[in-house]
Amino acid sequence: MVLIALVTAALVPVPTASSTTAQPVHATVAPRVGGRHHRFRVTITARQASGAGHNYIASARLVTGATGCVENRDRVFPAAPVGHRVHADLDPARGDGGPEGWCPGHYAGTVSYGTRVVARFSFRVSR
């Protein structure tokens, strides 16, 4: 007796380098200069769909200036399809040090998609 095994394979699309590599985006921040309690809005146009574990994240860190107040903030952009403009508000009141507001000084920021930095921005907090 001869047994014949029949094997079927499902065709599953394999991601290509272009679909898994984060594409650079242009980021703007407003205002460019603000006070200790201002929210800084970072805006991008999504070049890749986001949501379900693949998100754009805005992060800002104090480069030069005072300490003992808000020195950094991170915010996830809302989920969006390709081509949509989305905003992330960096708010000093959300998180540690909120009542004191931002530390005066210069902040450098990045927008990341997964582990890759796809844009850079900066802003300044005045006294």
N, C-alpha and C. Protein backbone atom coordinates (compact mmCIF):
# COMPACT_ATOMS: atom_id res chain seq x y z
N MET A 1 0.85 -1.16 0.00
CA MET A 1 0.00 0.00 0.00
C MET A 1 0.90 1.23 0.00
N VAL A 2 0.58 2.15 -0.85
CA VAL A 2 1.35 3.38 -0.97
C VAL A 2 0.49 4.53 -0.48
N LEU A 3 1.03 5.30 0.44
CA LEU A 3 0.31 6.47 0.95
C LEU A 3 0.85 7.71 0.24
N ILE A 4 -0.04 8.51 -0.21
CA ILE A 4 0.36 9.75 -0.88
C ILE A 4 -0.13 10.91 -0.03
N ALA A 5 0.77 11.75 0.34
CA ALA A 5 0.42 12.93 1.14
C ALA A 5 0.26 14.10 0.21
N LEU A 6 -0.80 14.81 0.41
CA LEU A 6 -1.07 15.98 -0.40
C LEU A 6 -0.87 17.21 0.48
N VAL A 7 0.03 18.06 0.10
CA VAL A 7 0.34 19.23 0.89
C VAL A 7 -0.11 20.47 0.13
N THR A 8 -0.84 21.31 0.83
CA THR A 8 -1.25 22.57 0.23
C THR A 8 -0.62 23.69 1.03
N ALA A 9 -0.28 24.74 0.37
CA ALA A 9 0.32 25.89 1.03
C ALA A 9 -0.54 27.11 0.77
N ALA A 10 -0.77 27.83 1.81
CA ALA A 10 -1.52 29.09 1.67
C ALA A 10 -0.55 30.16 1.18
N LEU A 11 -1.00 30.93 0.26
CA LEU A 11 -0.17 32.03 -0.22
C LEU A 11 -0.35 33.21 0.71
N VAL A 12 0.70 33.56 1.40
CA VAL A 12 0.68 34.66 2.34
C VAL A 12 1.63 35.73 1.83
N PRO A 13 1.15 36.97 1.71
CA PRO A 13 2.07 38.00 1.24
C PRO A 13 3.22 38.20 2.22
N VAL A 14 4.38 38.29 1.69
CA VAL A 14 5.57 38.52 2.51
C VAL A 14 5.90 40.00 2.41
N PRO A 15 6.05 40.68 3.58
CA PRO A 15 6.38 42.10 3.52
C PRO A 15 7.68 42.34 2.78
N THR A 16 7.70 43.36 1.98
CA THR A 16 8.92 43.73 1.28
C THR A 16 9.63 44.79 2.09
N ALA A 17 10.86 45.07 1.71
CA ALA A 17 11.62 46.09 2.43
C ALA A 17 10.90 47.43 2.40
N SER A 18 10.25 47.76 1.30
CA SER A 18 9.59 49.06 1.20
C SER A 18 8.37 49.15 2.09
N SER A 19 7.70 48.01 2.41
CA SER A 19 6.52 48.07 3.25
C SER A 19 6.85 48.03 4.73
N THR A 20 8.04 47.58 5.10
CA THR A 20 8.40 47.50 6.51
C THR A 20 9.38 48.58 6.92
N THR A 21 9.98 49.29 6.00
CA THR A 21 10.92 50.34 6.32
C THR A 21 10.18 51.65 6.51
N ALA A 22 10.38 52.28 7.65
CA ALA A 22 9.72 53.55 7.94
C ALA A 22 10.20 54.62 6.97
N GLN A 23 9.26 55.36 6.40
CA GLN A 23 9.57 56.42 5.45
C GLN A 23 9.72 57.75 6.19
N PRO A 24 10.68 58.61 5.81
CA PRO A 24 10.82 59.92 6.45
C PRO A 24 9.55 60.75 6.27
N VAL A 25 9.25 61.57 7.28
CA VAL A 25 8.11 62.49 7.21
C VAL A 25 8.60 63.89 7.55
N HIS A 26 7.81 64.88 7.21
CA HIS A 26 8.11 66.26 7.57
C HIS A 26 7.30 66.60 8.81
N ALA A 27 7.97 67.08 9.85
CA ALA A 27 7.29 67.44 11.09
C ALA A 27 7.36 68.95 11.30
N THR A 28 6.24 69.51 11.76
CA THR A 28 6.21 70.91 12.17
C THR A 28 5.79 70.96 13.63
N VAL A 29 6.22 72.02 14.32
CA VAL A 29 5.82 72.20 15.71
C VAL A 29 5.32 73.62 15.89
N ALA A 30 4.25 73.76 16.65
CA ALA A 30 3.69 75.08 16.93
C ALA A 30 3.25 75.13 18.39
N PRO A 31 3.57 76.20 19.09
CA PRO A 31 4.43 77.29 18.64
C PRO A 31 5.90 76.87 18.65
N ARG A 32 6.74 77.63 17.97
CA ARG A 32 8.18 77.35 17.98
C ARG A 32 8.81 77.82 19.28
N VAL A 33 8.24 78.88 19.87
CA VAL A 33 8.67 79.40 21.16
C VAL A 33 7.43 79.54 22.03
N GLY A 34 7.48 79.02 23.23
CA GLY A 34 6.32 79.08 24.12
C GLY A 34 6.73 79.26 25.56
N GLY A 35 5.75 79.39 26.40
CA GLY A 35 5.98 79.55 27.83
C GLY A 35 5.98 78.22 28.56
N ARG A 36 6.15 78.29 29.86
CA ARG A 36 6.30 77.10 30.70
C ARG A 36 5.09 76.17 30.65
N HIS A 37 3.90 76.69 30.40
CA HIS A 37 2.70 75.86 30.43
C HIS A 37 2.05 75.67 29.05
N HIS A 38 2.76 76.04 28.00
CA HIS A 38 2.24 75.85 26.64
C HIS A 38 2.26 74.38 26.24
N ARG A 39 1.29 74.01 25.41
CA ARG A 39 1.31 72.72 24.72
C ARG A 39 1.98 72.94 23.38
N PHE A 40 2.87 72.06 23.00
CA PHE A 40 3.53 72.14 21.72
C PHE A 40 2.93 71.06 20.82
N ARG A 41 2.33 71.48 19.71
CA ARG A 41 1.66 70.55 18.79
C ARG A 41 2.61 70.18 17.66
N VAL A 42 2.87 68.88 17.54
CA VAL A 42 3.70 68.34 16.47
C VAL A 42 2.75 67.76 15.42
N THR A 43 2.95 68.16 14.16
CA THR A 43 2.08 67.73 13.07
C THR A 43 2.90 67.03 12.00
N ILE A 44 2.36 65.90 11.52
CA ILE A 44 2.98 65.16 10.41
C ILE A 44 1.88 64.70 9.45
N THR A 45 2.28 64.33 8.26
CA THR A 45 1.41 63.61 7.34
C THR A 45 1.91 62.18 7.30
N ALA A 46 1.04 61.24 7.68
CA ALA A 46 1.44 59.84 7.77
C ALA A 46 1.86 59.31 6.40
N ARG A 47 3.03 58.73 6.33
CA ARG A 47 3.50 58.10 5.08
C ARG A 47 3.29 56.60 5.13
N GLN A 48 2.91 56.12 6.31
CA GLN A 48 2.57 54.71 6.49
C GLN A 48 1.37 54.64 7.43
N ALA A 49 0.54 53.65 7.25
CA ALA A 49 -0.62 53.49 8.13
C ALA A 49 -0.14 53.27 9.55
N SER A 50 -0.86 53.85 10.50
CA SER A 50 -0.48 53.67 11.90
C SER A 50 -1.66 53.13 12.68
N GLY A 51 -1.35 52.57 13.83
CA GLY A 51 -2.35 51.92 14.67
C GLY A 51 -2.03 50.44 14.77
N ALA A 52 -2.71 49.74 15.66
CA ALA A 52 -2.54 48.30 15.84
C ALA A 52 -1.07 47.92 16.02
N GLY A 53 -0.37 48.64 16.89
CA GLY A 53 1.02 48.30 17.20
C GLY A 53 2.07 48.98 16.35
N HIS A 54 1.66 49.71 15.32
CA HIS A 54 2.60 50.46 14.47
C HIS A 54 2.22 51.92 14.58
N ASN A 55 2.93 52.65 15.44
CA ASN A 55 2.55 54.02 15.72
C ASN A 55 3.69 55.00 15.50
N TYR A 56 3.31 56.23 15.16
CA TYR A 56 4.23 57.35 15.17
C TYR A 56 4.25 57.88 16.60
N ILE A 57 5.43 58.25 17.09
CA ILE A 57 5.57 58.78 18.45
C ILE A 57 6.41 60.04 18.39
N ALA A 58 5.91 61.13 19.01
CA ALA A 58 6.66 62.37 19.14
C ALA A 58 7.32 62.38 20.51
N SER A 59 8.61 62.72 20.55
CA SER A 59 9.37 62.79 21.80
C SER A 59 10.19 64.07 21.79
N ALA A 60 10.23 64.76 22.92
CA ALA A 60 11.05 65.96 23.04
C ALA A 60 11.83 65.90 24.34
N ARG A 61 13.09 66.33 24.29
CA ARG A 61 13.98 66.30 25.45
C ARG A 61 14.71 67.65 25.56
N LEU A 62 14.88 68.09 26.79
CA LEU A 62 15.61 69.32 27.05
C LEU A 62 17.08 69.14 26.66
N VAL A 63 17.60 70.06 25.85
CA VAL A 63 19.00 70.00 25.43
C VAL A 63 19.83 70.91 26.32
N THR A 64 19.39 72.15 26.45
CA THR A 64 20.07 73.11 27.32
C THR A 64 19.02 73.87 28.09
N GLY A 65 19.31 74.15 29.35
CA GLY A 65 18.37 74.93 30.15
C GLY A 65 18.35 74.48 31.59
N ALA A 66 17.33 74.93 32.30
CA ALA A 66 17.18 74.65 33.73
C ALA A 66 16.75 73.20 33.96
N THR A 67 16.75 72.79 35.22
CA THR A 67 16.28 71.46 35.59
C THR A 67 15.29 71.62 36.75
N GLY A 68 14.68 70.50 37.15
CA GLY A 68 13.75 70.55 38.27
C GLY A 68 12.31 70.82 37.85
N CYS A 69 12.03 70.70 36.57
CA CYS A 69 10.69 70.90 36.02
C CYS A 69 10.54 69.90 34.88
N VAL A 70 9.60 70.09 33.99
CA VAL A 70 9.38 69.13 32.90
C VAL A 70 10.52 69.23 31.90
N GLU A 71 11.28 68.14 31.76
CA GLU A 71 12.44 68.11 30.87
C GLU A 71 12.21 67.27 29.61
N ASN A 72 11.11 66.50 29.58
CA ASN A 72 10.84 65.66 28.42
C ASN A 72 9.37 65.27 28.38
N ARG A 73 8.91 64.94 27.20
CA ARG A 73 7.55 64.44 27.00
C ARG A 73 7.53 63.55 25.77
N ASP A 74 6.66 62.55 25.80
CA ASP A 74 6.40 61.66 24.66
C ASP A 74 4.90 61.61 24.46
N ARG A 75 4.51 61.47 23.20
CA ARG A 75 3.08 61.32 22.91
C ARG A 75 2.93 60.50 21.64
N VAL A 76 1.98 59.55 21.67
CA VAL A 76 1.68 58.73 20.51
C VAL A 76 0.69 59.50 19.62
N PHE A 77 0.97 59.54 18.32
CA PHE A 77 0.03 60.12 17.38
C PHE A 77 -1.18 59.19 17.26
N PRO A 78 -2.37 59.73 16.98
CA PRO A 78 -3.52 58.85 16.77
C PRO A 78 -3.34 58.00 15.50
N ALA A 79 -4.02 56.87 15.48
CA ALA A 79 -3.97 56.00 14.30
C ALA A 79 -4.49 56.75 13.08
N ALA A 80 -3.85 56.51 11.94
CA ALA A 80 -4.24 57.21 10.71
C ALA A 80 -3.83 56.41 9.49
N PRO A 81 -4.62 56.51 8.42
CA PRO A 81 -4.21 55.88 7.16
C PRO A 81 -3.15 56.75 6.47
N VAL A 82 -2.53 56.19 5.47
CA VAL A 82 -1.51 56.91 4.70
C VAL A 82 -2.11 58.20 4.13
N GLY A 83 -1.34 59.28 4.22
CA GLY A 83 -1.74 60.56 3.64
C GLY A 83 -2.53 61.48 4.55
N HIS A 84 -2.92 61.03 5.73
CA HIS A 84 -3.67 61.89 6.65
C HIS A 84 -2.73 62.67 7.57
N ARG A 85 -3.12 63.93 7.83
CA ARG A 85 -2.37 64.76 8.77
C ARG A 85 -2.82 64.41 10.18
N VAL A 86 -1.84 64.23 11.06
CA VAL A 86 -2.14 63.90 12.45
C VAL A 86 -1.30 64.77 13.37
N HIS A 87 -1.80 64.95 14.59
CA HIS A 87 -1.15 65.83 15.56
C HIS A 87 -0.90 65.06 16.86
N ALA A 88 0.18 65.43 17.52
CA ALA A 88 0.48 64.94 18.87
C ALA A 88 0.81 66.17 19.71
N ASP A 89 0.07 66.36 20.79
CA ASP A 89 0.29 67.50 21.67
C ASP A 89 1.21 67.12 22.82
N LEU A 90 2.35 67.80 22.91
CA LEU A 90 3.28 67.60 24.02
C LEU A 90 2.86 68.59 25.12
N ASP A 91 2.24 68.05 26.14
CA ASP A 91 1.60 68.85 27.19
C ASP A 91 2.38 68.68 28.49
N PRO A 92 2.90 69.78 29.05
CA PRO A 92 3.68 69.64 30.28
C PRO A 92 2.83 69.17 31.47
N ALA A 93 1.52 69.36 31.42
CA ALA A 93 0.66 68.97 32.55
C ALA A 93 0.45 67.46 32.63
N ARG A 94 0.75 66.73 31.56
CA ARG A 94 0.58 65.27 31.55
C ARG A 94 1.87 64.59 31.92
N GLY A 95 1.94 64.07 33.13
CA GLY A 95 3.13 63.35 33.56
C GLY A 95 3.83 64.03 34.72
N ASP A 96 4.99 63.51 35.07
CA ASP A 96 5.76 64.03 36.20
C ASP A 96 6.17 65.48 35.97
N GLY A 97 6.14 66.26 37.04
CA GLY A 97 6.59 67.64 36.99
C GLY A 97 5.60 68.60 36.38
N GLY A 98 4.41 68.13 36.04
CA GLY A 98 3.41 68.94 35.35
C GLY A 98 3.10 70.29 35.96
N PRO A 99 2.88 70.40 37.29
CA PRO A 99 2.53 71.70 37.86
C PRO A 99 3.60 72.77 37.66
N GLU A 100 4.87 72.35 37.58
CA GLU A 100 5.96 73.32 37.39
C GLU A 100 6.05 73.78 35.94
N GLY A 101 5.51 73.00 35.01
CA GLY A 101 5.61 73.34 33.59
C GLY A 101 6.97 72.97 33.02
N TRP A 102 7.14 73.31 31.75
CA TRP A 102 8.40 73.04 31.06
C TRP A 102 9.55 73.79 31.73
N CYS A 103 10.72 73.21 31.72
CA CYS A 103 11.93 73.93 32.10
C CYS A 103 12.26 74.90 30.97
N PRO A 104 12.63 76.12 31.28
CA PRO A 104 13.06 77.03 30.22
C PRO A 104 14.30 76.46 29.52
N GLY A 105 14.35 76.62 28.21
CA GLY A 105 15.51 76.14 27.46
C GLY A 105 15.14 75.65 26.08
N HIS A 106 16.09 75.01 25.43
CA HIS A 106 15.94 74.50 24.07
C HIS A 106 15.66 73.00 24.11
N TYR A 107 14.64 72.57 23.35
CA TYR A 107 14.25 71.16 23.29
C TYR A 107 14.48 70.62 21.89
N ALA A 108 15.01 69.42 21.81
CA ALA A 108 15.17 68.71 20.53
C ALA A 108 14.16 67.57 20.54
N GLY A 109 13.49 67.41 19.40
CA GLY A 109 12.46 66.38 19.33
C GLY A 109 12.64 65.47 18.13
N THR A 110 12.04 64.29 18.25
CA THR A 110 12.04 63.33 17.15
C THR A 110 10.64 62.78 16.98
N VAL A 111 10.37 62.33 15.76
CA VAL A 111 9.19 61.52 15.48
C VAL A 111 9.72 60.16 15.07
N SER A 112 9.23 59.13 15.73
CA SER A 112 9.67 57.77 15.44
C SER A 112 8.49 56.95 14.93
N TYR A 113 8.82 55.99 14.08
CA TYR A 113 7.86 54.98 13.62
C TYR A 113 8.53 53.65 13.90
N GLY A 114 8.01 52.92 14.86
CA GLY A 114 8.71 51.72 15.31
C GLY A 114 9.99 52.15 16.00
N THR A 115 11.11 51.60 15.58
CA THR A 115 12.39 51.95 16.19
C THR A 115 13.17 52.99 15.38
N ARG A 116 12.61 53.45 14.28
CA ARG A 116 13.33 54.36 13.40
C ARG A 116 12.87 55.80 13.55
N VAL A 117 13.82 56.72 13.69
CA VAL A 117 13.51 58.15 13.71
C VAL A 117 13.22 58.58 12.28
N VAL A 118 12.03 59.17 12.07
CA VAL A 118 11.62 59.56 10.72
C VAL A 118 11.55 61.08 10.54
N ALA A 119 11.68 61.84 11.64
CA ALA A 119 11.69 63.31 11.54
C ALA A 119 12.29 63.89 12.81
N ARG A 120 12.76 65.13 12.68
CA ARG A 120 13.31 65.87 13.82
C ARG A 120 12.65 67.25 13.86
N PHE A 121 12.53 67.80 15.08
CA PHE A 121 11.97 69.14 15.26
C PHE A 121 12.58 69.74 16.52
N SER A 122 12.35 71.01 16.75
CA SER A 122 12.83 71.65 17.98
C SER A 122 11.89 72.78 18.37
N PHE A 123 11.97 73.14 19.62
CA PHE A 123 11.23 74.31 20.13
C PHE A 123 11.97 74.88 21.32
N ARG A 124 11.57 76.06 21.73
CA ARG A 124 12.22 76.73 22.86
C ARG A 124 11.16 77.17 23.85
N VAL A 125 11.48 77.03 25.11
CA VAL A 125 10.60 77.48 26.20
C VAL A 125 11.26 78.68 26.84
N SER A 126 10.55 79.81 26.84
CA SER A 126 11.10 81.03 27.42
C SER A 126 10.73 81.09 28.92
N ARG A 127 11.41 81.93 29.62
CA ARG A 127 11.15 82.09 31.06
C ARG A 127 9.84 82.75 31.33
